[in-house]
Amino acid sequence: MKVKLFFRWFDLWIGIYIDRSRKTAYICPIPMFGVKIDLWELLTPHYQIIGKYTKKPIGCCRGKEGLENAKLEEPGATFKKISRKKCNICNHD
């Protein structure tokens, strides 16, 4: 999850705005000053690819598009939804 402070002279609002398409939350406690929180990491599922014959993890993918691409590349594999922190294959920040 990324958190970033911002200043926009044209943002004269107070409150919280959630952009669903970008999976981002904007919080403006003071007009023109705000916090941008990237929620993509929290809201995107993480899948572990388990090999057809070895029954061991052979890779990982993220999101619906990643899952569909992995199914095309590994037709006999199974997929297990896991948390990002428990994935021993990739090193996500």
Protein backbone atom coordinates (compact mmCIF):
# COMPACT_ATOMS: atom_id res chain seq x y z
CA MET A 1 0.00 0.00 0.00
CA LYS A 2 1.41 3.35 -1.05
CA VAL A 3 0.59 6.57 0.79
CA LYS A 4 1.43 9.92 -0.76
CA LEU A 5 0.80 13.49 0.38
CA PHE A 6 -0.30 16.02 -2.22
CA PHE A 7 -1.10 19.68 -2.72
CA ARG A 8 -3.48 20.76 -5.48
CA TRP A 9 -4.48 24.41 -5.66
CA PHE A 10 -7.70 23.47 -7.50
CA ASP A 11 -8.91 20.85 -4.95
CA LEU A 12 -11.13 22.95 -2.71
CA TRP A 13 -12.97 20.12 -0.99
CA ILE A 14 -12.94 18.35 2.37
CA GLY A 15 -13.73 14.66 2.66
CA ILE A 16 -12.95 11.23 1.28
CA TYR A 17 -13.19 10.13 -2.34
CA ILE A 18 -12.69 6.51 -3.46
CA ASP A 19 -11.82 5.94 -7.11
CA ARG A 20 -13.00 2.38 -7.78
CA SER A 21 -11.46 2.04 -11.23
CA ARG A 22 -7.97 2.99 -9.99
CA LYS A 23 -8.50 1.42 -6.52
CA THR A 24 -7.31 4.61 -4.87
CA ALA A 25 -8.62 6.61 -1.91
CA TYR A 26 -8.17 10.37 -1.62
CA ILE A 27 -8.54 12.02 1.79
CA CYS A 28 -8.59 15.83 2.06
CA PRO A 29 -8.81 16.99 5.69
CA ILE A 30 -7.88 20.56 4.66
CA PRO A 31 -8.76 22.16 1.30
CA MET A 32 -5.91 21.76 -1.23
CA PHE A 33 -3.93 19.37 1.02
CA GLY A 34 -4.58 15.66 0.96
CA VAL A 35 -3.43 12.09 1.18
CA LYS A 36 -3.56 9.60 -1.69
CA ILE A 37 -3.72 5.93 -0.66
CA ASP A 38 -3.19 3.26 -3.31
CA LEU A 39 -5.48 0.35 -2.37
CA TRP A 40 -4.56 -1.87 -5.34
CA GLU A 41 -2.30 -4.07 -3.20
CA LEU A 42 -5.06 -4.70 -0.68
CA LEU A 43 -7.93 -5.23 -3.12
CA THR A 44 -6.25 -7.34 -5.82
CA PRO A 45 -6.23 -11.09 -5.14
CA HIS A 46 -2.96 -13.02 -5.25
CA TYR A 47 -2.88 -16.59 -6.61
CA GLN A 48 -0.26 -19.29 -6.31
CA ILE A 49 0.11 -21.62 -9.32
CA ILE A 50 0.45 -25.27 -8.32
CA GLY A 51 1.93 -27.64 -10.89
CA LYS A 52 -0.16 -30.44 -12.36
CA TYR A 53 2.32 -33.26 -11.74
CA THR A 54 4.61 -31.96 -9.00
CA LYS A 55 1.80 -30.56 -6.81
CA LYS A 56 4.26 -27.84 -5.74
CA PRO A 57 4.08 -24.08 -6.32
CA ILE A 58 5.57 -23.17 -9.69
CA GLY A 59 4.62 -19.50 -9.87
CA CYS A 60 2.21 -16.80 -8.85
CA CYS A 61 -0.05 -14.24 -10.46
CA ARG A 62 -2.15 -11.27 -9.41
CA GLY A 63 -5.62 -10.12 -10.36
CA LYS A 64 -8.21 -11.45 -12.78
CA GLU A 65 -6.12 -10.76 -15.88
CA GLY A 66 -3.08 -12.48 -14.40
CA LEU A 67 -5.18 -15.49 -13.45
CA GLU A 68 -6.65 -15.79 -16.96
CA ASN A 69 -3.19 -15.52 -18.57
CA ALA A 70 -1.77 -18.13 -16.20
CA LYS A 71 -4.64 -20.52 -17.00
CA LEU A 72 -3.79 -20.24 -20.69
CA GLU A 73 -0.07 -20.88 -20.10
CA GLU A 74 -0.53 -23.72 -17.57
CA PRO A 75 -3.74 -25.52 -18.58
CA GLY A 76 -3.41 -28.38 -16.09
CA ALA A 77 -2.34 -26.33 -13.09
CA THR A 78 -4.49 -25.52 -10.09
CA PHE A 79 -4.67 -22.12 -8.43
CA LYS A 80 -4.77 -21.32 -4.75
CA LYS A 81 -5.78 -17.88 -3.48
CA ILE A 82 -3.28 -16.77 -0.83
CA SER A 83 -2.33 -13.56 0.90
CA ARG A 84 0.47 -11.55 -0.68
CA LYS A 85 2.60 -11.85 2.45
CA LYS A 86 2.47 -15.66 2.42
CA CYS A 87 3.73 -15.98 -1.16
CA ASN A 88 7.19 -17.54 -1.07
CA ILE A 89 7.74 -17.15 -4.83
CA CYS A 90 7.67 -13.41 -5.29
CA ASN A 91 8.96 -10.53 -3.25
CA HIS A 92 6.29 -7.82 -3.32
CA ASP A 93 7.00 -4.67 -1.34
